[in-house]
Amino acid sequence: MLNNREWALIIWSLIALAVVLRNRGVREAVKALFEALLNRRLVFVFLLSLAYIAVGLGLWSLAGLYNSAQIKPALLWALIGAPTALARVGTAESHPLLLKSWVADTFKIAVLIEFVAHFYTFPIAVELVLIPISFLLAMLLAYSSDKPEYAKVKRVLNGALVALGGSLILYGFYSALRQFSTFATATTLSDFYTTPLLAFWMTPFLYIVFLYARYGSAHSVARIYITDRKLRDFAFAYAMIAFHVRTDLLRRWSQKIAAMSPRTRDDVKASIKRVLKTDQKSYHRKPVLPNLGWDPNEAGGFLSSVDLTTNDYHESFGDWFSESPMRSVTHAWPQDYMKYSVNGSADIADRLHLKLFVNSPAEETTALTAFRAAAKRLFELAFTAKDHEALQECLDLSQHADIELDLTRLTIERTPHLGANPQGFDLYLQLRR
């Protein structure tokens, strides 16, 4: 049986669907989305996950841990929780991060809070009002989260959501205490542990899909740069033996073969051994003297607090570097982006780069604020207090700079865009030892 909150969600979802589908452009976008989701591989993996969940439910039923009363939480999790988990496979950089986020989100104490908050609901009229208010607050909070100029608004929105969520939770606990005999039943207990148990059961499947996806990506790269099929099969088998679950090393090897284009088995072995040697070297790297530069691994994490952590430090075409993914700093289209990279030799990083791509002149102030905040954080971690204060002053005074302190040279360059977007520009900051 659906509760009032679930009925309210269905009603608002149908209303929203009816409104958006009136627009032809939206209809075409929805059609394209469904076509993408109906990809044979995606459908196969999803159906396989449902079969895997069904096996788990069957085993628990035999053990007396599951019965037909838990069909609703099990079905909701299979249709919502499982696809969400599978979507994370495509975005996770490495399996430790994937499993960490998965376990943290599934087994935290919020499971209890959410359960109590949803077990007892308000009358349908109240739920129909609460849902759009909650959605609007959440959307406004998401929009303002990356905008420093909306910091006060963000605090107000956070307070409003906390107040709303707290009210729902208190109401849930209050209702549970008033009707404790109804709440404290075997069915309630079963509903409570069904979702965490399903998530726990899903974890090995999720891990296998993650490995399959990463090896599939590596195989696609190998097909481009290793044209001989027999050599490609040998390379892939050798890589599986050498790297097994080390998908980070597998990704580095994919980068190697793109640069080396192996032609013989010896070339393949050499490329794999080189990746393994580099990995071992990173664990035994000697401390870097301040006058020479920075430790490459430490430098790659300087801007982790602003979501600009670099990938692994590796060699490509004679240069050693690591770089972060592009991070959007504005919401208006076209969006503005920031990127951070580290360059140097095998053991020492001697150049740090921060780059801003401004594509929307209307959002220039927001983009520059984010850039200055990231630069300040970089100065704080890369230099002594005396040096980073001097560098920060230079950053605040000008968008163009070329100064040299005791051991460091700071360069800031602004390059205007040409062609279709002449008002856009790139802002480039380099720190060099």
Protein backbone atom coordinates (compact mmCIF):
# COMPACT_ATOMS: atom_id res chain seq x y z
CA MET A 1 0.00 0.00 0.00
CA LEU A 2 1.27 3.48 -0.87
CA ASN A 3 1.29 6.12 1.87
CA ASN A 4 0.15 9.72 1.48
CA ARG A 5 3.67 10.99 0.73
CA GLU A 6 4.13 8.49 -2.05
CA TRP A 7 0.71 9.32 -3.53
CA ALA A 8 1.61 13.02 -3.43
CA LEU A 9 4.89 12.30 -5.23
CA ILE A 10 3.04 10.37 -7.93
CA ILE A 11 0.49 13.17 -8.39
CA TRP A 12 3.15 15.89 -8.68
CA SER A 13 5.26 13.74 -10.98
CA LEU A 14 2.29 13.25 -13.33
CA ILE A 15 1.56 16.98 -13.25
CA ALA A 16 5.20 17.83 -14.01
CA LEU A 17 5.29 15.24 -16.79
CA ALA A 18 2.15 16.64 -18.39
CA VAL A 19 3.55 20.20 -18.26
CA VAL A 20 7.00 19.47 -19.68
CA LEU A 21 5.74 17.18 -22.42
CA ARG A 22 3.68 20.03 -23.87
CA ASN A 23 6.96 21.50 -25.13
CA ARG A 24 8.21 19.89 -28.34
CA GLY A 25 11.86 20.46 -27.50
CA VAL A 26 11.42 18.79 -24.13
CA ARG A 27 9.62 15.85 -25.74
CA GLU A 28 12.52 15.34 -28.14
CA ALA A 29 15.02 15.55 -25.27
CA VAL A 30 13.04 12.97 -23.26
CA LYS A 31 12.90 10.71 -26.33
CA ALA A 32 16.67 10.97 -26.79
CA LEU A 33 17.17 10.19 -23.11
CA PHE A 34 15.06 7.05 -23.30
CA GLU A 35 16.86 5.95 -26.46
CA ALA A 36 20.16 6.30 -24.62
CA LEU A 37 18.84 4.41 -21.60
CA LEU A 38 17.56 1.61 -23.82
CA ASN A 39 21.08 0.80 -24.97
CA ARG A 40 21.39 -2.97 -25.15
CA ARG A 41 24.32 -3.14 -22.74
CA LEU A 42 22.63 -0.88 -20.17
CA VAL A 43 19.39 -2.84 -20.35
CA PHE A 44 21.29 -6.12 -20.02
CA VAL A 45 23.19 -4.94 -16.94
CA PHE A 46 19.99 -3.60 -15.35
CA LEU A 47 18.11 -6.86 -15.98
CA LEU A 48 21.09 -8.77 -14.64
CA SER A 49 20.99 -6.63 -11.47
CA LEU A 50 17.28 -7.39 -11.04
CA ALA A 51 18.00 -11.12 -11.40
CA TYR A 52 20.80 -10.80 -8.85
CA ILE A 53 18.46 -9.01 -6.42
CA ALA A 54 15.80 -11.68 -6.98
CA VAL A 55 18.34 -14.38 -6.06
CA GLY A 56 19.14 -12.50 -2.86
CA LEU A 57 15.47 -12.15 -1.95
CA GLY A 58 14.98 -15.86 -2.60
CA LEU A 59 17.86 -16.79 -0.29
CA TRP A 60 16.59 -14.49 2.44
CA SER A 61 13.09 -15.89 2.07
CA LEU A 62 14.47 -19.38 2.71
CA ALA A 63 16.28 -18.03 5.76
CA GLY A 64 13.10 -16.35 7.06
CA LEU A 65 14.44 -12.80 6.54
CA TYR A 66 12.05 -11.80 3.77
CA ASN A 67 8.37 -12.23 3.01
CA SER A 68 5.70 -10.67 0.80
CA ALA A 69 5.13 -7.84 3.32
CA GLN A 70 8.49 -6.31 2.25
CA ILE A 71 7.62 -6.24 -1.45
CA LYS A 72 7.23 -2.44 -1.55
CA PRO A 73 10.63 -1.44 -0.07
CA ALA A 74 12.31 -4.19 -2.09
CA LEU A 75 10.62 -3.11 -5.33
CA LEU A 76 11.33 0.59 -4.77
CA TRP A 77 14.97 -0.13 -4.06
CA ALA A 78 15.33 -2.39 -7.10
CA LEU A 79 13.81 0.26 -9.40
CA ILE A 80 15.48 3.33 -7.85
CA GLY A 81 18.39 2.28 -5.64
CA ALA A 82 19.93 -0.24 -8.04
CA PRO A 83 19.97 2.08 -11.12
CA THR A 84 21.42 4.86 -8.96
CA ALA A 85 24.17 2.53 -7.78
CA LEU A 86 24.92 1.39 -11.33
CA ALA A 87 25.11 5.02 -12.47
CA ARG A 88 27.89 5.59 -9.95
CA VAL A 89 29.97 2.97 -11.70
CA GLY A 90 30.37 5.32 -14.65
CA THR A 91 31.42 8.32 -12.54
CA ALA A 92 33.70 6.75 -9.91
CA GLU A 93 37.42 7.32 -10.53
CA SER A 94 38.48 4.23 -8.62
CA HIS A 95 36.84 1.33 -6.82
CA PRO A 96 37.86 2.51 -3.31
CA LEU A 97 35.99 5.78 -3.89
CA LEU A 98 33.04 3.93 -5.39
CA LEU A 99 32.71 1.49 -2.49
CA LYS A 100 33.36 4.17 0.11
CA SER A 101 30.59 6.43 -1.15
CA TRP A 102 28.25 3.49 -1.65
CA VAL A 103 28.72 2.15 1.88
CA ALA A 104 28.61 5.61 3.45
CA ASP A 105 25.34 6.54 1.77
CA THR A 106 23.69 3.20 2.48
CA PHE A 107 24.64 2.34 5.99
CA LYS A 108 24.74 5.70 7.72
CA ILE A 109 22.38 6.51 10.56
CA ALA A 110 20.22 8.56 8.18
CA VAL A 111 18.62 5.27 7.14
CA LEU A 112 16.85 5.21 10.50
CA ILE A 113 15.88 8.87 10.27
CA GLU A 114 14.49 8.51 6.75
CA PHE A 115 12.57 5.40 7.77
CA VAL A 116 10.89 7.06 10.71
CA ALA A 117 10.20 10.21 8.70
CA HIS A 118 8.43 8.22 5.96
CA PHE A 119 6.68 5.68 8.17
CA TYR A 120 4.23 8.24 9.45
CA THR A 121 3.00 10.84 6.99
CA PHE A 122 0.71 13.86 7.01
CA PRO A 123 -2.74 13.98 5.40
CA ILE A 124 -2.64 14.01 1.59
CA ALA A 125 -3.46 17.74 1.40
CA VAL A 126 -0.47 18.60 3.60
CA GLU A 127 1.84 16.28 1.64
CA LEU A 128 0.77 17.92 -1.63
CA VAL A 129 1.96 21.26 -0.21
CA LEU A 130 5.16 19.95 1.42
CA ILE A 131 6.58 18.23 -1.65
CA PRO A 132 6.80 21.27 -4.00
CA ILE A 133 8.16 23.39 -1.12
CA SER A 134 10.87 20.81 -0.40
CA PHE A 135 11.71 20.50 -4.10
CA LEU A 136 11.93 24.27 -4.56
CA LEU A 137 14.22 24.69 -1.52
CA ALA A 138 16.46 21.87 -2.71
CA MET A 139 16.73 23.33 -6.24
CA LEU A 140 17.52 26.81 -4.92
CA LEU A 141 20.15 25.36 -2.60
CA ALA A 142 21.75 23.42 -5.47
CA TYR A 143 21.83 26.59 -7.60
CA SER A 144 23.41 28.74 -4.87
CA SER A 145 25.89 26.18 -3.53
CA ASP A 146 28.71 27.10 -5.95
CA LYS A 147 28.09 30.84 -5.97
CA PRO A 148 30.02 32.81 -3.32
CA GLU A 149 27.78 35.85 -3.79
CA TYR A 150 24.80 33.76 -2.60
CA ALA A 151 26.50 32.57 0.61
CA LYS A 152 23.90 34.28 2.85
CA VAL A 153 21.04 32.87 0.78
CA LYS A 154 22.62 29.42 1.04
CA ARG A 155 22.68 29.64 4.84
CA VAL A 156 19.00 30.64 4.90
CA LEU A 157 18.06 27.78 2.56
CA ASN A 158 20.06 25.29 4.62
CA GLY A 159 18.28 26.47 7.73
CA ALA A 160 14.89 26.13 6.05
CA LEU A 161 15.63 22.59 4.88
CA VAL A 162 16.96 21.59 8.30
CA ALA A 163 13.84 23.00 9.92
CA LEU A 164 11.57 21.20 7.46
CA GLY A 165 13.45 17.90 7.74
CA GLY A 166 13.62 18.18 11.51
CA SER A 167 9.88 18.76 11.69
CA LEU A 168 9.20 15.65 9.63
CA ILE A 169 11.55 13.58 11.77
CA LEU A 170 10.07 14.85 15.05
CA TYR A 171 6.60 14.15 13.75
CA GLY A 172 7.68 10.64 12.80
CA PHE A 173 9.15 9.93 16.23
CA TYR A 174 6.16 11.53 17.95
CA SER A 175 3.73 9.38 15.96
CA ALA A 176 5.82 6.28 16.63
CA LEU A 177 5.77 6.91 20.38
CA ARG A 178 2.02 7.59 20.39
CA GLN A 179 1.34 4.39 18.47
CA PHE A 180 4.26 2.34 19.73
CA SER A 181 2.36 -0.94 19.63
CA THR A 182 1.63 -0.36 15.93
CA PHE A 183 5.17 0.78 15.19
CA ALA A 184 7.10 -1.88 17.13
CA THR A 185 6.17 -4.91 15.03
CA ALA A 186 8.05 -7.59 13.13
CA THR A 187 6.89 -6.02 9.86
CA THR A 188 8.36 -2.66 10.84
CA LEU A 189 11.66 -4.31 11.72
CA SER A 190 11.67 -6.15 8.39
CA ASP A 191 10.99 -2.91 6.49
CA PHE A 192 13.85 -1.27 8.35
CA TYR A 193 16.55 -3.80 7.46
CA THR A 194 15.33 -4.61 3.92
CA THR A 195 17.05 -1.65 2.20
CA PRO A 196 20.47 -1.96 3.95
CA LEU A 197 20.42 -5.71 3.35
CA LEU A 198 19.71 -5.22 -0.34
CA ALA A 199 22.49 -2.65 -0.58
CA PHE A 200 24.92 -5.00 1.14
CA TRP A 201 23.95 -7.79 -1.24
CA MET A 202 24.37 -5.43 -4.23
CA THR A 203 27.94 -4.39 -3.35
CA PRO A 204 29.79 -7.41 -4.92
CA PHE A 205 27.70 -7.09 -8.09
CA LEU A 206 28.46 -3.38 -8.23
CA TYR A 207 32.16 -4.07 -7.86
CA ILE A 208 32.15 -6.63 -10.68
CA VAL A 209 30.31 -4.22 -13.01
CA PHE A 210 32.86 -1.53 -12.14
CA LEU A 211 35.76 -3.82 -13.08
CA TYR A 212 34.00 -4.92 -16.28
CA ALA A 213 33.42 -1.30 -17.32
CA ARG A 214 37.03 -0.28 -16.67
CA TYR A 215 38.47 -3.24 -18.55
CA GLY A 216 36.00 -2.57 -21.35
CA SER A 217 37.29 1.00 -21.65
CA ALA A 218 40.90 -0.25 -21.70
CA HIS A 219 40.02 -2.76 -24.40
CA SER A 220 38.49 -0.01 -26.54
CA VAL A 221 41.75 1.97 -26.29
CA ALA A 222 43.78 -1.14 -27.12
CA ARG A 223 41.71 -1.71 -30.29
CA ILE A 224 42.76 1.72 -31.55
CA TYR A 225 46.48 1.56 -30.83
CA ILE A 226 47.15 -2.19 -31.16
CA THR A 227 45.85 -3.14 -34.59
CA ASP A 228 47.04 -6.78 -34.58
CA ARG A 229 44.25 -8.83 -32.99
CA LYS A 230 46.50 -11.58 -31.61
CA LEU A 231 48.83 -9.01 -30.07
CA ARG A 232 45.85 -7.12 -28.64
CA ASP A 233 44.45 -10.29 -27.04
CA PHE A 234 47.88 -11.03 -25.56
CA ALA A 235 48.20 -7.46 -24.25
CA PHE A 236 44.77 -7.55 -22.65
CA ALA A 237 45.37 -10.93 -20.99
CA TYR A 238 48.79 -9.83 -19.75
CA ALA A 239 47.29 -6.60 -18.37
CA MET A 240 44.56 -8.51 -16.51
CA ILE A 241 47.19 -10.71 -14.85
CA ALA A 242 49.45 -7.76 -13.99
CA PHE A 243 46.83 -5.27 -12.80
CA HIS A 244 43.87 -7.51 -11.73
CA VAL A 245 41.73 -5.15 -9.59
CA ARG A 246 44.14 -2.17 -9.83
CA THR A 247 42.04 -0.15 -12.22
CA ASP A 248 44.14 2.97 -11.58
CA LEU A 249 47.16 1.15 -13.04
CA LEU A 250 45.00 -0.13 -15.90
CA ARG A 251 44.08 3.46 -16.77
CA ARG A 252 47.75 4.50 -16.70
CA TRP A 253 48.59 1.62 -19.02
CA SER A 254 45.88 2.74 -21.45
CA GLN A 255 47.62 6.11 -21.56
CA LYS A 256 50.95 4.38 -22.17
CA ILE A 257 49.78 2.36 -25.14
CA ALA A 258 48.27 5.50 -26.66
CA ALA A 259 51.76 7.04 -26.59
CA MET A 260 53.82 3.92 -27.38
CA SER A 261 51.56 1.99 -29.84
CA PRO A 262 53.14 -1.45 -29.06
CA ARG A 263 54.05 -3.56 -32.07
CA THR A 264 55.49 -6.68 -30.38
CA ARG A 265 54.93 -8.73 -27.25
CA ASP A 266 58.11 -7.26 -25.81
CA ASP A 267 56.67 -3.77 -26.33
CA VAL A 268 53.52 -4.78 -24.46
CA LYS A 269 55.49 -6.27 -21.57
CA ALA A 270 57.70 -3.17 -21.42
CA SER A 271 54.69 -0.83 -21.26
CA ILE A 272 53.11 -2.83 -18.42
CA LYS A 273 56.39 -3.15 -16.48
CA ARG A 274 56.91 0.60 -16.83
CA VAL A 275 53.53 1.30 -15.22
CA LEU A 276 54.25 -1.12 -12.37
CA LYS A 277 57.69 0.42 -11.83
CA THR A 278 56.24 3.94 -11.73
CA ASP A 279 53.67 2.81 -9.17
CA GLN A 280 56.33 1.30 -6.92
CA LYS A 281 58.41 4.45 -7.30
CA SER A 282 55.55 6.66 -6.12
CA TYR A 283 55.46 4.77 -2.81
CA HIS A 284 59.21 5.18 -2.24
CA ARG A 285 59.65 8.75 -3.44
CA LYS A 286 62.19 10.76 -1.44
CA PRO A 287 61.20 14.06 0.21
CA VAL A 288 61.47 17.02 -2.18
CA LEU A 289 63.62 19.98 -1.15
CA PRO A 290 61.58 23.24 -1.13
CA ASN A 291 64.00 24.99 -3.47
CA LEU A 292 63.42 22.33 -6.14
CA GLY A 293 59.65 21.98 -6.11
CA TRP A 294 56.92 19.86 -4.58
CA ASP A 295 56.10 16.21 -4.09
CA PRO A 296 53.95 15.31 -7.14
CA ASN A 297 51.35 13.36 -5.16
CA GLU A 298 51.00 16.07 -2.51
CA ALA A 299 50.80 18.83 -5.12
CA GLY A 300 48.04 16.95 -6.92
CA GLY A 301 45.88 17.21 -3.80
CA PHE A 302 46.49 20.89 -3.02
CA LEU A 303 43.09 21.89 -4.43
CA SER A 304 41.04 18.89 -3.30
CA SER A 305 38.92 21.20 -1.11
CA VAL A 306 37.61 22.94 -4.25
CA ASP A 307 37.09 19.70 -6.24
CA LEU A 308 40.21 20.07 -8.37
CA THR A 309 42.15 16.96 -7.36
CA THR A 310 44.43 15.74 -10.13
CA ASN A 311 44.64 12.20 -11.46
CA ASP A 312 47.74 10.03 -11.20
CA TYR A 313 51.14 11.58 -11.91
CA HIS A 314 52.44 9.90 -15.06
CA GLU A 315 54.67 10.28 -18.09
CA SER A 316 53.30 10.95 -21.54
CA PHE A 317 55.32 11.96 -24.59
CA GLY A 318 58.37 12.77 -22.49
CA ASP A 319 56.58 14.96 -19.91
CA TRP A 320 55.43 14.09 -16.39
CA PHE A 321 52.11 15.55 -15.31
CA SER A 322 48.77 15.10 -13.62
CA GLU A 323 45.59 17.09 -14.17
CA SER A 324 42.15 17.50 -12.72
CA PRO A 325 38.86 17.16 -14.59
CA MET A 326 37.28 20.39 -15.80
CA ARG A 327 35.07 21.84 -13.04
CA SER A 328 32.21 24.20 -13.81
CA VAL A 329 32.18 27.35 -11.66
CA THR A 330 29.02 28.97 -13.06
CA HIS A 331 25.54 27.78 -14.04
CA ALA A 332 24.61 30.07 -16.93
CA TRP A 333 25.11 28.74 -20.44
CA PRO A 334 27.78 28.69 -21.73
CA GLN A 335 29.37 27.63 -18.44
CA ASP A 336 32.75 28.77 -17.15
CA TYR A 337 35.31 26.15 -16.10
CA MET A 338 38.44 25.77 -14.01
CA LYS A 339 41.24 23.23 -14.30
CA TYR A 340 44.34 22.44 -12.23
CA SER A 341 47.46 20.59 -13.35
CA VAL A 342 50.90 19.62 -12.02
CA ASN A 343 54.02 19.25 -14.20
CA GLY A 344 57.64 18.30 -13.65
CA SER A 345 60.04 15.38 -13.72
CA ALA A 346 59.59 11.80 -12.49
CA ASP A 347 60.34 12.70 -8.84
CA ILE A 348 59.69 16.43 -8.57
CA ALA A 349 56.82 18.70 -9.55
CA ASP A 350 58.19 22.15 -10.38
CA ARG A 351 55.18 23.76 -12.11
CA LEU A 352 51.64 24.26 -10.84
CA HIS A 353 48.98 25.51 -13.25
CA LEU A 354 45.52 26.91 -12.57
CA LYS A 355 43.41 27.87 -15.57
CA LEU A 356 40.04 29.58 -15.85
CA PHE A 357 37.92 29.42 -19.01
CA VAL A 358 35.37 32.27 -19.08
CA ASN A 359 32.75 31.65 -21.75
CA SER A 360 29.87 33.67 -20.28
CA PRO A 361 30.73 37.38 -19.75
CA ALA A 362 27.62 37.80 -17.61
CA GLU A 363 29.10 35.38 -15.05
CA GLU A 364 32.63 36.82 -15.14
CA THR A 365 32.51 38.13 -11.55
CA THR A 366 31.42 34.76 -10.18
CA ALA A 367 34.07 32.93 -12.18
CA LEU A 368 36.85 35.29 -11.07
CA THR A 369 35.76 34.94 -7.44
CA ALA A 370 36.04 31.15 -7.69
CA PHE A 371 39.42 31.48 -9.43
CA ARG A 372 40.83 33.78 -6.74
CA ALA A 373 39.57 31.47 -3.98
CA ALA A 374 41.28 28.47 -5.62
CA ALA A 375 44.49 30.46 -6.16
CA LYS A 376 44.51 31.57 -2.52
CA ARG A 377 44.13 27.96 -1.38
CA LEU A 378 46.99 26.95 -3.70
CA PHE A 379 49.23 29.67 -2.28
CA GLU A 380 48.45 28.64 1.29
CA LEU A 381 49.46 25.02 0.73
CA ALA A 382 52.36 25.51 -1.68
CA PHE A 383 54.24 28.29 0.14
CA THR A 384 55.16 29.78 3.46
CA ALA A 385 52.82 32.37 4.99
CA LYS A 386 55.12 35.22 3.90
CA ASP A 387 55.23 34.09 0.28
CA HIS A 388 51.56 33.28 -0.18
CA GLU A 389 50.55 36.70 1.25
CA ALA A 390 52.74 38.42 -1.33
CA LEU A 391 51.34 36.25 -4.12
CA GLN A 392 47.76 36.89 -2.98
CA GLU A 393 48.34 40.64 -3.08
CA CYS A 394 49.55 40.34 -6.67
CA LEU A 395 46.49 38.29 -7.59
CA ASP A 396 44.13 40.87 -6.10
CA LEU A 397 45.79 43.79 -7.83
CA SER A 398 46.05 42.55 -11.39
CA GLN A 399 44.95 39.95 -13.90
CA HIS A 400 48.40 40.15 -15.49
CA ALA A 401 51.53 39.42 -13.48
CA ASP A 402 55.08 38.20 -13.83
CA ILE A 403 56.91 38.38 -10.52
CA GLU A 404 59.63 36.38 -8.83
CA LEU A 405 59.97 35.79 -5.11
CA ASP A 406 62.84 33.99 -3.41
CA LEU A 407 62.27 30.60 -5.03
CA THR A 408 59.06 30.99 -7.01
CA ARG A 409 57.98 32.72 -10.19
CA LEU A 410 54.32 33.69 -10.54
CA THR A 411 52.88 34.27 -14.01
CA ILE A 412 49.30 35.34 -14.71
CA GLU A 413 48.15 35.76 -18.30
CA ARG A 414 44.80 36.69 -19.74
CA THR A 415 44.10 35.56 -23.31
CA PRO A 416 40.94 36.77 -25.08
CA HIS A 417 38.85 34.35 -27.09
CA LEU A 418 38.59 34.82 -30.82
CA GLY A 419 35.84 34.04 -33.28
CA ALA A 420 32.27 33.40 -32.10
CA ASN A 421 32.82 34.50 -28.48
CA PRO A 422 35.20 37.51 -28.47
CA GLN A 423 34.08 38.60 -24.99
CA GLY A 424 35.25 35.36 -23.44
CA PHE A 425 38.80 34.81 -22.19
CA ASP A 426 41.18 32.35 -20.54
CA LEU A 427 42.98 33.26 -17.32
CA TYR A 428 46.16 31.27 -16.78
CA LEU A 429 48.18 31.13 -13.54
CA GLN A 430 51.52 29.35 -13.28
CA LEU A 431 53.77 28.82 -10.24
CA ARG A 432 57.26 27.68 -11.16
CA ARG A 433 60.19 26.61 -9.02
